[in-house]
């Protein structure tokens, strides 16, 4: 397994983790100042969408690196 494939797998795992945390919204993470700032600027739905987009990009890059 080459380095790109390993990075791809890590990005896919990261994307899954971001989606899971966005769906469950654990209080310890969702109360962090950075996420509260996102909620202030983007709203609650906007923050969720932002994290889903980040997860989709990370997942897509991960798949690309694995297939390359």
Protein backbone atom coordinates (compact mmCIF):
# COMPACT_ATOMS: atom_id res chain seq x y z
CA UNK A 1 0.00 0.00 0.00
CA UNK A 2 1.43 3.35 -0.96
CA UNK A 3 1.31 6.64 0.92
CA UNK A 4 -1.48 8.12 -1.19
CA UNK A 5 -3.77 5.19 -0.46
CA UNK A 6 -3.13 5.52 3.27
CA UNK A 7 -3.89 9.25 3.17
CA UNK A 8 -7.02 8.46 1.15
CA UNK A 9 -8.21 5.97 3.76
CA UNK A 10 -7.54 8.47 6.56
CA UNK A 11 -9.51 11.16 4.71
CA UNK A 12 -12.46 8.81 4.25
CA UNK A 13 -12.39 7.91 7.95
CA UNK A 14 -12.17 11.63 8.80
CA UNK A 15 -15.18 12.35 6.58
CA UNK A 16 -17.18 9.63 8.31
CA UNK A 17 -16.22 10.99 11.71
CA UNK A 18 -17.29 14.52 10.75
CA UNK A 19 -20.67 13.27 9.50
CA UNK A 20 -21.18 11.20 12.65
CA UNK A 21 -20.33 14.13 14.93
CA UNK A 22 -22.58 16.46 12.94
CA UNK A 23 -25.50 14.05 13.20
CA UNK A 24 -25.07 13.27 16.91
CA UNK A 25 -23.96 16.76 18.03
CA UNK A 26 -22.18 15.71 21.24
CA UNK A 27 -22.33 18.51 23.78
CA UNK A 28 -18.60 18.42 24.54
CA UNK A 29 -17.72 19.14 20.92
CA UNK A 30 -20.70 21.23 19.87
CA UNK A 31 -20.08 23.69 22.74
CA UNK A 32 -16.56 24.54 21.54
CA UNK A 33 -15.99 28.24 20.88
CA UNK A 34 -15.11 27.68 17.22
CA UNK A 35 -18.35 25.83 16.51
CA UNK A 36 -20.35 28.39 18.46
CA UNK A 37 -18.77 31.08 16.28
CA UNK A 38 -19.81 29.15 13.16
CA UNK A 39 -23.36 28.98 14.54
CA UNK A 40 -23.35 32.71 15.20
CA UNK A 41 -22.20 33.49 11.65
CA UNK A 42 -23.91 30.73 9.64
CA UNK A 43 -26.78 29.69 11.89
CA UNK A 44 -27.39 26.14 13.10
CA UNK A 45 -28.44 24.74 9.70
CA UNK A 46 -25.62 26.60 7.96
CA UNK A 47 -23.09 25.11 10.36
CA UNK A 48 -24.43 21.62 9.73
CA UNK A 49 -24.28 22.16 5.97
CA UNK A 50 -20.74 23.52 6.29
CA UNK A 51 -19.58 20.37 8.09
CA UNK A 52 -21.36 18.12 5.57
CA UNK A 53 -19.61 19.94 2.71
CA UNK A 54 -16.23 19.58 4.44
CA UNK A 55 -16.92 15.87 4.93
CA UNK A 56 -17.95 15.45 1.29
CA UNK A 57 -14.80 17.17 0.06
CA UNK A 58 -12.58 15.10 2.36
CA UNK A 59 -14.33 11.90 1.29
CA UNK A 60 -14.06 12.75 -2.40
CA UNK A 61 -10.36 13.56 -2.11
CA UNK A 62 -9.87 10.34 -0.16
CA UNK A 63 -11.55 8.26 -2.86
CA UNK A 64 -9.56 10.06 -5.55
CA UNK A 65 -6.28 9.35 -3.78
CA UNK A 66 -7.19 5.70 -3.34
CA UNK A 67 -8.08 5.28 -7.00
CA UNK A 68 -5.10 7.21 -8.33
